[in-house]
Amino acid sequence: MAQIKIYGLNTQLNPIKKQLSDTIHSCVVEALQFPVDKRFHRFFPMRAEDMCFPDNRSHAYTIIEITMIEGRTKETKKKLIALLFERIRAEIGIQAVDIEILIQEAPAYHFGFRGMSGDEMLLDYKVEV
């Protein structure tokens, strides 16, 4: 399981939500070997007065937070980060300087979905990739 939150200025984020979600999901499917039908994205478009960032960032500044069950290798997580930077730049036009990514991991028993804790759930994909 991976839950993804995307933050950005509402004027920039709202028009690109679908395309950005598709791009992020393609990276997750490739790097984490997720099934195509497992997409859990939430967007947080923010007013300019509610989002502070350094002057050397543009209005396209975007934060991507990924929370997932622990178990992926360092190489897998680095691949995901590299794919996100590459594809978001190529497909959406947001430069690397305007993208920040945070991956947070937790044990499976910290997750609850479909009426069970994550460690009781039989997943249809591998976590150890």
C-alpha atoms as a PDB file:
ATOM      1  CA  MET A   1       0.000   0.000   0.000  1.00  0.00           C
ATOM      2  CA  ALA A   2       1.134   3.520  -0.755  1.00  0.00           C
ATOM      3  CA  GLN A   3      -0.797   6.650   0.084  1.00  0.00           C
ATOM      4  CA  ILE A   4       0.333   9.733  -1.829  1.00  0.00           C
ATOM      5  CA  LYS A   5      -0.311  13.368  -0.925  1.00  0.00           C
ATOM      6  CA  ILE A   6       0.464  16.143  -3.390  1.00  0.00           C
ATOM      7  CA  TYR A   7       0.708  19.767  -2.244  1.00  0.00           C
ATOM      8  CA  GLY A   8       1.034  22.859  -4.405  1.00  0.00           C
ATOM      9  CA  LEU A   9      -0.399  26.270  -5.134  1.00  0.00           C
ATOM     10  CA  ASN A  10      -4.037  25.921  -6.165  1.00  0.00           C
ATOM     11  CA  THR A  11      -3.539  28.007  -9.320  1.00  0.00           C
ATOM     12  CA  GLN A  12      -0.815  25.618 -10.493  1.00  0.00           C
ATOM     13  CA  LEU A  13      -2.006  22.296  -9.086  1.00  0.00           C
ATOM     14  CA  ASN A  14      -5.701  22.317  -9.955  1.00  0.00           C
ATOM     15  CA  PRO A  15      -5.278  22.399 -13.761  1.00  0.00           C
ATOM     16  CA  ILE A  16      -2.785  19.486 -13.783  1.00  0.00           C
ATOM     17  CA  LYS A  17      -4.229  17.084 -11.178  1.00  0.00           C
ATOM     18  CA  LYS A  18      -5.249  14.305 -13.574  1.00  0.00           C
ATOM     19  CA  GLN A  19      -2.058  14.433 -15.637  1.00  0.00           C
ATOM     20  CA  LEU A  20       0.150  14.648 -12.533  1.00  0.00           C
ATOM     21  CA  SER A  21      -1.696  11.740 -10.915  1.00  0.00           C
ATOM     22  CA  ASP A  22      -1.185   9.663 -14.070  1.00  0.00           C
ATOM     23  CA  THR A  23       2.522  10.516 -14.144  1.00  0.00           C
ATOM     24  CA  ILE A  24       3.073   9.757 -10.463  1.00  0.00           C
ATOM     25  CA  HIS A  25       1.138   6.510 -10.765  1.00  0.00           C
ATOM     26  CA  SER A  26       3.212   5.339 -13.732  1.00  0.00           C
ATOM     27  CA  CYS A  27       6.353   5.844 -11.627  1.00  0.00           C
ATOM     28  CA  VAL A  28       4.886   3.921  -8.680  1.00  0.00           C
ATOM     29  CA  VAL A  29       3.766   1.053 -10.917  1.00  0.00           C
ATOM     30  CA  GLU A  30       7.216   0.775 -12.490  1.00  0.00           C
ATOM     31  CA  ALA A  31       9.459   1.311  -9.459  1.00  0.00           C
ATOM     32  CA  LEU A  32       7.366  -0.393  -6.769  1.00  0.00           C
ATOM     33  CA  GLN A  33       5.805  -2.967  -9.108  1.00  0.00           C
ATOM     34  CA  PHE A  34       2.323  -1.913  -8.000  1.00  0.00           C
ATOM     35  CA  PRO A  35      -0.780  -3.242  -9.733  1.00  0.00           C
ATOM     36  CA  VAL A  36      -2.192  -0.633 -12.107  1.00  0.00           C
ATOM     37  CA  ASP A  37      -5.516  -0.518 -10.207  1.00  0.00           C
ATOM     38  CA  LYS A  38      -3.885   0.496  -6.882  1.00  0.00           C
ATOM     39  CA  ARG A  39      -3.961   4.307  -6.970  1.00  0.00           C
ATOM     40  CA  PHE A  40      -4.404   6.284  -3.742  1.00  0.00           C
ATOM     41  CA  HIS A  41      -3.681   9.994  -4.400  1.00  0.00           C
ATOM     42  CA  ARG A  42      -4.904  13.026  -2.523  1.00  0.00           C
ATOM     43  CA  PHE A  43      -4.355  16.598  -3.698  1.00  0.00           C
ATOM     44  CA  PHE A  44      -3.947  19.584  -1.426  1.00  0.00           C
ATOM     45  CA  PRO A  45      -4.223  22.741  -3.528  1.00  0.00           C
ATOM     46  CA  MET A  46      -3.210  25.655  -1.345  1.00  0.00           C
ATOM     47  CA  ARG A  47      -3.780  29.393  -1.479  1.00  0.00           C
ATOM     48  CA  ALA A  48      -0.589  31.403  -1.919  1.00  0.00           C
ATOM     49  CA  GLU A  49      -0.875  32.820   1.599  1.00  0.00           C
ATOM     50  CA  ASP A  50      -0.988  29.282   3.033  1.00  0.00           C
ATOM     51  CA  MET A  51       2.164  27.964   1.380  1.00  0.00           C
ATOM     52  CA  CYS A  52       5.598  29.353   2.077  1.00  0.00           C
ATOM     53  CA  PHE A  53       8.664  28.314   0.093  1.00  0.00           C
ATOM     54  CA  PRO A  54      12.065  29.807  -0.767  1.00  0.00           C
ATOM     55  CA  ASP A  55      12.420  32.551  -3.365  1.00  0.00           C
ATOM     56  CA  ASN A  56      14.497  30.268  -5.599  1.00  0.00           C
ATOM     57  CA  ARG A  57      11.413  28.102  -6.262  1.00  0.00           C
ATOM     58  CA  SER A  58       8.709  28.981  -8.779  1.00  0.00           C
ATOM     59  CA  HIS A  59       4.941  28.938  -8.409  1.00  0.00           C
ATOM     60  CA  ALA A  60       5.101  25.344  -9.701  1.00  0.00           C
ATOM     61  CA  TYR A  61       6.690  24.252  -6.387  1.00  0.00           C
ATOM     62  CA  THR A  62       5.177  20.848  -5.544  1.00  0.00           C
ATOM     63  CA  ILE A  63       5.591  18.562  -2.539  1.00  0.00           C
ATOM     64  CA  ILE A  64       4.940  14.834  -2.916  1.00  0.00           C
ATOM     65  CA  GLU A  65       4.624  12.738   0.255  1.00  0.00           C
ATOM     66  CA  ILE A  66       4.500   8.964  -0.120  1.00  0.00           C
ATOM     67  CA  THR A  67       3.566   6.799   2.858  1.00  0.00           C
ATOM     68  CA  MET A  68       3.965   3.077   2.323  1.00  0.00           C
ATOM     69  CA  ILE A  69       4.420  -0.267   4.016  1.00  0.00           C
ATOM     70  CA  GLU A  70       8.086  -0.820   4.787  1.00  0.00           C
ATOM     71  CA  GLY A  71      10.072  -3.420   2.895  1.00  0.00           C
ATOM     72  CA  ARG A  72      11.336  -1.802  -0.310  1.00  0.00           C
ATOM     73  CA  THR A  73      15.073  -1.657  -0.882  1.00  0.00           C
ATOM     74  CA  LYS A  74      17.082   1.547  -0.919  1.00  0.00           C
ATOM     75  CA  GLU A  75      17.613   1.055  -4.661  1.00  0.00           C
ATOM     76  CA  THR A  76      13.863   0.724  -5.289  1.00  0.00           C
ATOM     77  CA  LYS A  77      13.115   3.950  -3.413  1.00  0.00           C
ATOM     78  CA  LYS A  78      15.901   5.793  -5.235  1.00  0.00           C
ATOM     79  CA  LYS A  79      14.527   4.516  -8.546  1.00  0.00           C
ATOM     80  CA  LEU A  80      11.083   5.844  -7.623  1.00  0.00           C
ATOM     81  CA  ILE A  81      12.503   9.266  -6.757  1.00  0.00           C
ATOM     82  CA  ALA A  82      14.535   9.423  -9.982  1.00  0.00           C
ATOM     83  CA  LEU A  83      11.517   8.414 -12.086  1.00  0.00           C
ATOM     84  CA  LEU A  84       9.351  11.058 -10.411  1.00  0.00           C
ATOM     85  CA  PHE A  85      11.858  13.839 -11.117  1.00  0.00           C
ATOM     86  CA  GLU A  86      12.380  12.682 -14.703  1.00  0.00           C
ATOM     87  CA  ARG A  87       8.765  12.076 -15.721  1.00  0.00           C
ATOM     88  CA  ILE A  88       7.242  15.059 -13.945  1.00  0.00           C
ATOM     89  CA  ARG A  89       9.726  17.307 -15.759  1.00  0.00           C
ATOM     90  CA  ALA A  90       9.174  15.614 -19.132  1.00  0.00           C
ATOM     91  CA  GLU A  91       5.393  15.135 -18.943  1.00  0.00           C
ATOM     92  CA  ILE A  92       4.217  18.035 -16.772  1.00  0.00           C
ATOM     93  CA  GLY A  93       7.002  20.585 -17.173  1.00  0.00           C
ATOM     94  CA  ILE A  94       7.834  21.044 -13.489  1.00  0.00           C
ATOM     95  CA  GLN A  95      11.595  21.337 -13.026  1.00  0.00           C
ATOM     96  CA  ALA A  96      13.453  19.311 -10.382  1.00  0.00           C
ATOM     97  CA  VAL A  97      14.173  22.422  -8.314  1.00  0.00           C
ATOM     98  CA  ASP A  98      10.410  22.814  -7.829  1.00  0.00           C
ATOM     99  CA  ILE A  99       9.752  19.235  -6.703  1.00  0.00           C
ATOM    100  CA  GLU A 100      10.301  17.839  -3.215  1.00  0.00           C
ATOM    101  CA  ILE A 101       9.637  14.198  -2.435  1.00  0.00           C
ATOM    102  CA  LEU A 102       9.355  12.505   0.926  1.00  0.00           C
ATOM    103  CA  ILE A 103       8.995   8.759   1.363  1.00  0.00           C
ATOM    104  CA  GLN A 104       7.799   7.605   4.757  1.00  0.00           C
ATOM    105  CA  GLU A 105       7.565   3.941   5.684  1.00  0.00           C
ATOM    106  CA  ALA A 106       5.739   2.168   8.455  1.00  0.00           C
ATOM    107  CA  PRO A 107       5.249  -1.483   9.461  1.00  0.00           C
ATOM    108  CA  ALA A 108       2.271  -3.202   7.845  1.00  0.00           C
ATOM    109  CA  TYR A 109       0.430  -3.328  11.183  1.00  0.00           C
ATOM    110  CA  HIS A 110       0.368   0.501  11.202  1.00  0.00           C
ATOM    111  CA  PHE A 111      -2.037   0.392   8.233  1.00  0.00           C
ATOM    112  CA  GLY A 112      -5.713  -0.491   8.309  1.00  0.00           C
ATOM    113  CA  PHE A 113      -7.736  -1.149   5.180  1.00  0.00           C
ATOM    114  CA  ARG A 114     -10.624  -3.342   4.018  1.00  0.00           C
ATOM    115  CA  GLY A 115     -11.495  -4.061   7.659  1.00  0.00           C
ATOM    116  CA  MET A 116      -8.098  -5.462   8.716  1.00  0.00           C
ATOM    117  CA  SER A 117      -4.690  -4.342   9.799  1.00  0.00           C
ATOM    118  CA  GLY A 118      -2.104  -4.405   7.044  1.00  0.00           C
ATOM    119  CA  ASP A 119      -0.160  -7.340   8.466  1.00  0.00           C
ATOM    120  CA  GLU A 120      -3.309  -9.498   8.308  1.00  0.00           C
ATOM    121  CA  MET A 121      -4.064  -8.557   4.715  1.00  0.00           C
ATOM    122  CA  LEU A 122      -3.036 -10.766   1.802  1.00  0.00           C
ATOM    123  CA  LEU A 123      -1.767  -8.273  -0.761  1.00  0.00           C
ATOM    124  CA  ASP A 124      -1.868  -8.990  -4.479  1.00  0.00           C
ATOM    125  CA  TYR A 125       1.590  -7.455  -4.985  1.00  0.00           C
ATOM    126  CA  LYS A 126       5.033  -7.806  -3.429  1.00  0.00           C
ATOM    127  CA  VAL A 127       6.329  -5.282  -0.907  1.00  0.00           C
ATOM    128  CA  GLU A 128       9.906  -6.590  -0.889  1.00  0.00           C
ATOM    129  CA  VAL A 129      11.117  -5.127  -4.190  1.00  0.00           C
END
